[in-house]
């Protein structure tokens, strides 16, 4: 008997437009319906500028679509998607914080007790191969190492869904 997996998040008929500096709209998504189920690995492929990052940001609740609906476990998504962590194309690190602090800040924001914050951040740092660099600042890291900090930060929150927006673009081939 085939096992069915619950739909975790989805878009239905999503269209999104950005306003250009000249005031004209630029449509990057049109009538997109997408379902992401538990235990699936989904890859969005397409040329630069086709809307891959935009759809991830819409599913994560970072931006609202111009039209259409976004659902999380079958209910309309209001605000940020609580089950999603995202690794961005750019490093998105706080330059004044160490590797450890960059990871711990999201755990503190989630309201976790101090011992869990320390435990999860330590585990995530080891997982991405940054043990020994816990007290380094972003300016002291290579591009690939910065990207691994972003990955560790996303993994540390133990998300239900992990979005990765070109996460290996700054990482060397062996690490990727």
C-alpha atoms as a PDB file:
ATOM      1  CA  UNK A   1       0.000   0.000   0.000  1.00  0.00           C
ATOM      2  CA  UNK A   2       1.405   3.383  -1.014  1.00  0.00           C
ATOM      3  CA  UNK A   3       2.122   5.765   1.829  1.00  0.00           C
ATOM      4  CA  UNK A   4       0.735   9.290   1.469  1.00  0.00           C
ATOM      5  CA  UNK A   5       2.455  12.197   3.135  1.00  0.00           C
ATOM      6  CA  UNK A   6       0.680  15.237   4.472  1.00  0.00           C
ATOM      7  CA  UNK A   7       1.067  18.488   2.558  1.00  0.00           C
ATOM      8  CA  UNK A   8       3.144  20.759   4.769  1.00  0.00           C
ATOM      9  CA  UNK A   9       3.011  23.953   2.757  1.00  0.00           C
ATOM     10  CA  UNK A  10       1.662  24.970  -0.605  1.00  0.00           C
ATOM     11  CA  UNK A  11       0.841  27.763  -2.977  1.00  0.00           C
ATOM     12  CA  UNK A  12      -2.356  27.942  -4.976  1.00  0.00           C
ATOM     13  CA  UNK A  13      -2.485  30.192  -8.012  1.00  0.00           C
ATOM     14  CA  UNK A  14       0.274  32.470  -6.750  1.00  0.00           C
ATOM     15  CA  UNK A  15       1.254  35.448  -8.877  1.00  0.00           C
ATOM     16  CA  UNK A  16       3.833  37.989  -7.772  1.00  0.00           C
ATOM     17  CA  UNK A  17       4.919  41.312  -9.215  1.00  0.00           C
ATOM     18  CA  UNK A  18       7.655  43.695  -8.151  1.00  0.00           C
ATOM     19  CA  UNK A  19       7.501  47.395  -8.940  1.00  0.00           C
ATOM     20  CA  UNK A  20      10.439  48.615 -11.001  1.00  0.00           C
ATOM     21  CA  UNK A  21      12.082  52.005 -10.289  1.00  0.00           C
ATOM     22  CA  UNK A  22      10.142  53.452 -13.250  1.00  0.00           C
ATOM     23  CA  UNK A  23       6.884  52.400 -11.559  1.00  0.00           C
ATOM     24  CA  UNK A  24       6.079  49.589 -13.980  1.00  0.00           C
ATOM     25  CA  UNK A  25       5.292  46.118 -12.641  1.00  0.00           C
ATOM     26  CA  UNK A  26       7.610  43.175 -13.269  1.00  0.00           C
ATOM     27  CA  UNK A  27       5.770  39.867 -13.039  1.00  0.00           C
ATOM     28  CA  UNK A  28       8.119  37.134 -11.806  1.00  0.00           C
ATOM     29  CA  UNK A  29       5.542  34.464 -10.937  1.00  0.00           C
ATOM     30  CA  UNK A  30       2.235  33.719 -12.596  1.00  0.00           C
ATOM     31  CA  UNK A  31      -0.391  31.254 -11.377  1.00  0.00           C
ATOM     32  CA  UNK A  32       2.055  28.987  -9.508  1.00  0.00           C
ATOM     33  CA  UNK A  33       0.643  26.064  -7.565  1.00  0.00           C
ATOM     34  CA  UNK A  34       3.118  23.974  -5.610  1.00  0.00           C
ATOM     35  CA  UNK A  35       2.741  21.455  -2.790  1.00  0.00           C
ATOM     36  CA  UNK A  36       5.522  20.314  -0.498  1.00  0.00           C
ATOM     37  CA  UNK A  37       4.871  17.108   1.400  1.00  0.00           C
ATOM     38  CA  UNK A  38       6.625  15.564   4.379  1.00  0.00           C
ATOM     39  CA  UNK A  39       9.844  13.705   3.536  1.00  0.00           C
ATOM     40  CA  UNK A  40      10.069  15.167   0.018  1.00  0.00           C
ATOM     41  CA  UNK A  41      13.117  16.721  -1.537  1.00  0.00           C
ATOM     42  CA  UNK A  42      12.014  19.356  -4.030  1.00  0.00           C
ATOM     43  CA  UNK A  43      14.333  21.269  -6.348  1.00  0.00           C
ATOM     44  CA  UNK A  44      13.323  24.401  -8.214  1.00  0.00           C
ATOM     45  CA  UNK A  45      15.311  24.760 -11.403  1.00  0.00           C
ATOM     46  CA  UNK A  46      15.394  27.643 -13.831  1.00  0.00           C
ATOM     47  CA  UNK A  47      17.464  30.518 -15.138  1.00  0.00           C
ATOM     48  CA  UNK A  48      18.522  33.421 -12.989  1.00  0.00           C
ATOM     49  CA  UNK A  49      15.661  35.837 -12.367  1.00  0.00           C
ATOM     50  CA  UNK A  50      12.823  33.376 -13.035  1.00  0.00           C
ATOM     51  CA  UNK A  51      11.366  33.605  -9.500  1.00  0.00           C
ATOM     52  CA  UNK A  52      12.917  30.652  -7.616  1.00  0.00           C
ATOM     53  CA  UNK A  53      13.987  32.779  -4.644  1.00  0.00           C
ATOM     54  CA  UNK A  54      10.691  34.658  -4.710  1.00  0.00           C
ATOM     55  CA  UNK A  55       8.619  31.472  -4.382  1.00  0.00           C
ATOM     56  CA  UNK A  56      10.804  30.337  -1.454  1.00  0.00           C
ATOM     57  CA  UNK A  57      10.357  33.698   0.260  1.00  0.00           C
ATOM     58  CA  UNK A  58       6.588  33.504  -0.297  1.00  0.00           C
ATOM     59  CA  UNK A  59       6.408  29.961   1.136  1.00  0.00           C
ATOM     60  CA  UNK A  60       8.513  31.095   4.104  1.00  0.00           C
ATOM     61  CA  UNK A  61       6.156  34.025   4.708  1.00  0.00           C
ATOM     62  CA  UNK A  62       8.847  36.644   4.132  1.00  0.00           C
ATOM     63  CA  UNK A  63       6.818  38.284   1.360  1.00  0.00           C
ATOM     64  CA  UNK A  64       3.153  38.100   0.476  1.00  0.00           C
ATOM     65  CA  UNK A  65       2.170  37.198  -3.066  1.00  0.00           C
ATOM     66  CA  UNK A  66       0.404  39.770  -5.220  1.00  0.00           C
ATOM     67  CA  UNK A  67      -2.350  37.190  -5.827  1.00  0.00           C
ATOM     68  CA  UNK A  68      -3.125  33.650  -4.800  1.00  0.00           C
ATOM     69  CA  UNK A  69      -2.907  31.878  -1.474  1.00  0.00           C
ATOM     70  CA  UNK A  70      -0.235  30.252   0.651  1.00  0.00           C
ATOM     71  CA  UNK A  71      -1.136  27.458   3.053  1.00  0.00           C
ATOM     72  CA  UNK A  72       0.725  25.843   5.943  1.00  0.00           C
ATOM     73  CA  UNK A  73      -0.753  22.495   6.986  1.00  0.00           C
ATOM     74  CA  UNK A  74      -3.915  23.366   5.086  1.00  0.00           C
ATOM     75  CA  UNK A  75      -4.493  26.727   6.783  1.00  0.00           C
ATOM     76  CA  UNK A  76      -3.821  30.183   5.300  1.00  0.00           C
ATOM     77  CA  UNK A  77      -0.322  31.358   6.168  1.00  0.00           C
ATOM     78  CA  UNK A  78      -0.357  34.551   8.206  1.00  0.00           C
ATOM     79  CA  UNK A  79       3.067  36.093   8.705  1.00  0.00           C
ATOM     80  CA  UNK A  80       6.196  33.963   8.942  1.00  0.00           C
ATOM     81  CA  UNK A  81       5.948  30.227   8.344  1.00  0.00           C
ATOM     82  CA  UNK A  82       6.708  28.689  11.772  1.00  0.00           C
ATOM     83  CA  UNK A  83       7.954  25.401  10.285  1.00  0.00           C
ATOM     84  CA  UNK A  84      10.498  26.859   7.860  1.00  0.00           C
ATOM     85  CA  UNK A  85      14.167  27.762   8.133  1.00  0.00           C
ATOM     86  CA  UNK A  86      15.949  29.230   5.133  1.00  0.00           C
ATOM     87  CA  UNK A  87      19.573  29.353   4.011  1.00  0.00           C
ATOM     88  CA  UNK A  88      19.923  32.434   1.824  1.00  0.00           C
ATOM     89  CA  UNK A  89      22.108  32.936  -1.270  1.00  0.00           C
ATOM     90  CA  UNK A  90      23.935  35.721   0.508  1.00  0.00           C
ATOM     91  CA  UNK A  91      25.541  35.087   3.870  1.00  0.00           C
ATOM     92  CA  UNK A  92      23.034  37.127   5.917  1.00  0.00           C
ATOM     93  CA  UNK A  93      25.279  37.080   9.001  1.00  0.00           C
ATOM     94  CA  UNK A  94      25.560  39.696  11.723  1.00  0.00           C
ATOM     95  CA  UNK A  95      29.120  41.030  11.261  1.00  0.00           C
ATOM     96  CA  UNK A  96      29.461  42.052  14.925  1.00  0.00           C
ATOM     97  CA  UNK A  97      28.653  38.523  16.154  1.00  0.00           C
ATOM     98  CA  UNK A  98      30.871  35.465  16.291  1.00  0.00           C
ATOM     99  CA  UNK A  99      29.987  32.186  14.581  1.00  0.00           C
ATOM    100  CA  UNK A 100      28.510  30.906  17.852  1.00  0.00           C
ATOM    101  CA  UNK A 101      26.547  34.111  18.464  1.00  0.00           C
ATOM    102  CA  UNK A 102      25.167  34.157  14.891  1.00  0.00           C
ATOM    103  CA  UNK A 103      23.738  30.685  15.471  1.00  0.00           C
ATOM    104  CA  UNK A 104      22.601  31.245  19.044  1.00  0.00           C
ATOM    105  CA  UNK A 105      20.674  34.416  18.225  1.00  0.00           C
ATOM    106  CA  UNK A 106      17.946  32.503  16.354  1.00  0.00           C
ATOM    107  CA  UNK A 107      17.674  29.963  19.163  1.00  0.00           C
ATOM    108  CA  UNK A 108      17.360  32.741  21.745  1.00  0.00           C
ATOM    109  CA  UNK A 109      14.703  34.418  19.604  1.00  0.00           C
ATOM    110  CA  UNK A 110      12.799  31.110  19.642  1.00  0.00           C
ATOM    111  CA  UNK A 111      12.749  31.341  23.448  1.00  0.00           C
ATOM    112  CA  UNK A 112      14.791  28.206  24.103  1.00  0.00           C
ATOM    113  CA  UNK A 113      16.413  27.760  27.507  1.00  0.00           C
ATOM    114  CA  UNK A 114      20.129  28.662  27.715  1.00  0.00           C
ATOM    115  CA  UNK A 115      21.282  25.035  27.976  1.00  0.00           C
ATOM    116  CA  UNK A 116      19.424  24.091  24.766  1.00  0.00           C
ATOM    117  CA  UNK A 117      20.800  27.167  22.994  1.00  0.00           C
ATOM    118  CA  UNK A 118      24.357  26.098  23.852  1.00  0.00           C
ATOM    119  CA  UNK A 119      23.730  22.416  23.047  1.00  0.00           C
ATOM    120  CA  UNK A 120      22.044  23.033  19.685  1.00  0.00           C
ATOM    121  CA  UNK A 121      24.550  25.641  18.523  1.00  0.00           C
ATOM    122  CA  UNK A 122      27.483  23.394  19.438  1.00  0.00           C
ATOM    123  CA  UNK A 123      25.923  20.461  17.580  1.00  0.00           C
ATOM    124  CA  UNK A 124      25.201  22.590  14.482  1.00  0.00           C
ATOM    125  CA  UNK A 125      28.741  23.996  14.425  1.00  0.00           C
ATOM    126  CA  UNK A 126      30.180  20.465  14.492  1.00  0.00           C
ATOM    127  CA  UNK A 127      27.688  19.258  11.875  1.00  0.00           C
ATOM    128  CA  UNK A 128      28.829  21.827   9.293  1.00  0.00           C
ATOM    129  CA  UNK A 129      32.537  21.403  10.043  1.00  0.00           C
ATOM    130  CA  UNK A 130      33.222  24.676  11.846  1.00  0.00           C
ATOM    131  CA  UNK A 131      34.501  23.284  15.155  1.00  0.00           C
ATOM    132  CA  UNK A 132      37.406  25.480  16.208  1.00  0.00           C
ATOM    133  CA  UNK A 133      35.890  28.603  14.599  1.00  0.00           C
ATOM    134  CA  UNK A 134      33.163  29.239  17.188  1.00  0.00           C
ATOM    135  CA  UNK A 135      34.662  32.574  18.273  1.00  0.00           C
ATOM    136  CA  UNK A 136      35.578  33.831  14.790  1.00  0.00           C
ATOM    137  CA  UNK A 137      33.791  36.819  13.270  1.00  0.00           C
ATOM    138  CA  UNK A 138      32.392  36.724   9.699  1.00  0.00           C
ATOM    139  CA  UNK A 139      35.233  38.982   8.449  1.00  0.00           C
ATOM    140  CA  UNK A 140      37.672  36.244   9.531  1.00  0.00           C
ATOM    141  CA  UNK A 141      35.943  33.504   7.527  1.00  0.00           C
ATOM    142  CA  UNK A 142      36.079  32.447   3.889  1.00  0.00           C
ATOM    143  CA  UNK A 143      32.945  32.693   1.770  1.00  0.00           C
ATOM    144  CA  UNK A 144      32.304  28.966   2.104  1.00  0.00           C
ATOM    145  CA  UNK A 145      32.688  29.111   5.876  1.00  0.00           C
ATOM    146  CA  UNK A 146      30.231  32.010   6.073  1.00  0.00           C
ATOM    147  CA  UNK A 147      27.727  29.984   4.067  1.00  0.00           C
ATOM    148  CA  UNK A 148      28.187  27.068   6.481  1.00  0.00           C
ATOM    149  CA  UNK A 149      27.376  29.394   9.400  1.00  0.00           C
ATOM    150  CA  UNK A 150      24.081  30.225   7.665  1.00  0.00           C
ATOM    151  CA  UNK A 151      23.419  26.514   7.171  1.00  0.00           C
ATOM    152  CA  UNK A 152      24.237  25.761  10.817  1.00  0.00           C
ATOM    153  CA  UNK A 153      21.903  28.545  11.931  1.00  0.00           C
ATOM    154  CA  UNK A 154      19.044  27.083   9.882  1.00  0.00           C
ATOM    155  CA  UNK A 155      19.678  23.525  11.065  1.00  0.00           C
ATOM    156  CA  UNK A 156      19.988  24.546  14.728  1.00  0.00           C
ATOM    157  CA  UNK A 157      16.292  25.431  14.939  1.00  0.00           C
ATOM    158  CA  UNK A 158      15.405  21.880  13.820  1.00  0.00           C
ATOM    159  CA  UNK A 159      12.959  23.068  11.148  1.00  0.00           C
ATOM    160  CA  UNK A 160      10.130  21.008   9.759  1.00  0.00           C
ATOM    161  CA  UNK A 161      11.043  22.341   6.296  1.00  0.00           C
ATOM    162  CA  UNK A 162      14.475  23.571   5.207  1.00  0.00           C
ATOM    163  CA  UNK A 163      14.670  25.929   2.222  1.00  0.00           C
ATOM    164  CA  UNK A 164      18.084  26.321   0.643  1.00  0.00           C
ATOM    165  CA  UNK A 165      18.450  29.130  -1.871  1.00  0.00           C
ATOM    166  CA  UNK A 166      21.625  28.254  -3.809  1.00  0.00           C
ATOM    167  CA  UNK A 167      23.365  27.334  -0.536  1.00  0.00           C
ATOM    168  CA  UNK A 168      26.456  25.869  -2.137  1.00  0.00           C
ATOM    169  CA  UNK A 169      27.337  28.750  -4.439  1.00  0.00           C
ATOM    170  CA  UNK A 170      30.056  29.979  -2.038  1.00  0.00           C
ATOM    171  CA  UNK A 171      31.198  26.573  -0.805  1.00  0.00           C
ATOM    172  CA  UNK A 172      34.056  24.637  -2.349  1.00  0.00           C
ATOM    173  CA  UNK A 173      33.174  21.571  -4.437  1.00  0.00           C
ATOM    174  CA  UNK A 174      34.355  19.014  -1.860  1.00  0.00           C
ATOM    175  CA  UNK A 175      32.306  20.553   0.974  1.00  0.00           C
ATOM    176  CA  UNK A 176      29.242  21.020  -1.241  1.00  0.00           C
END
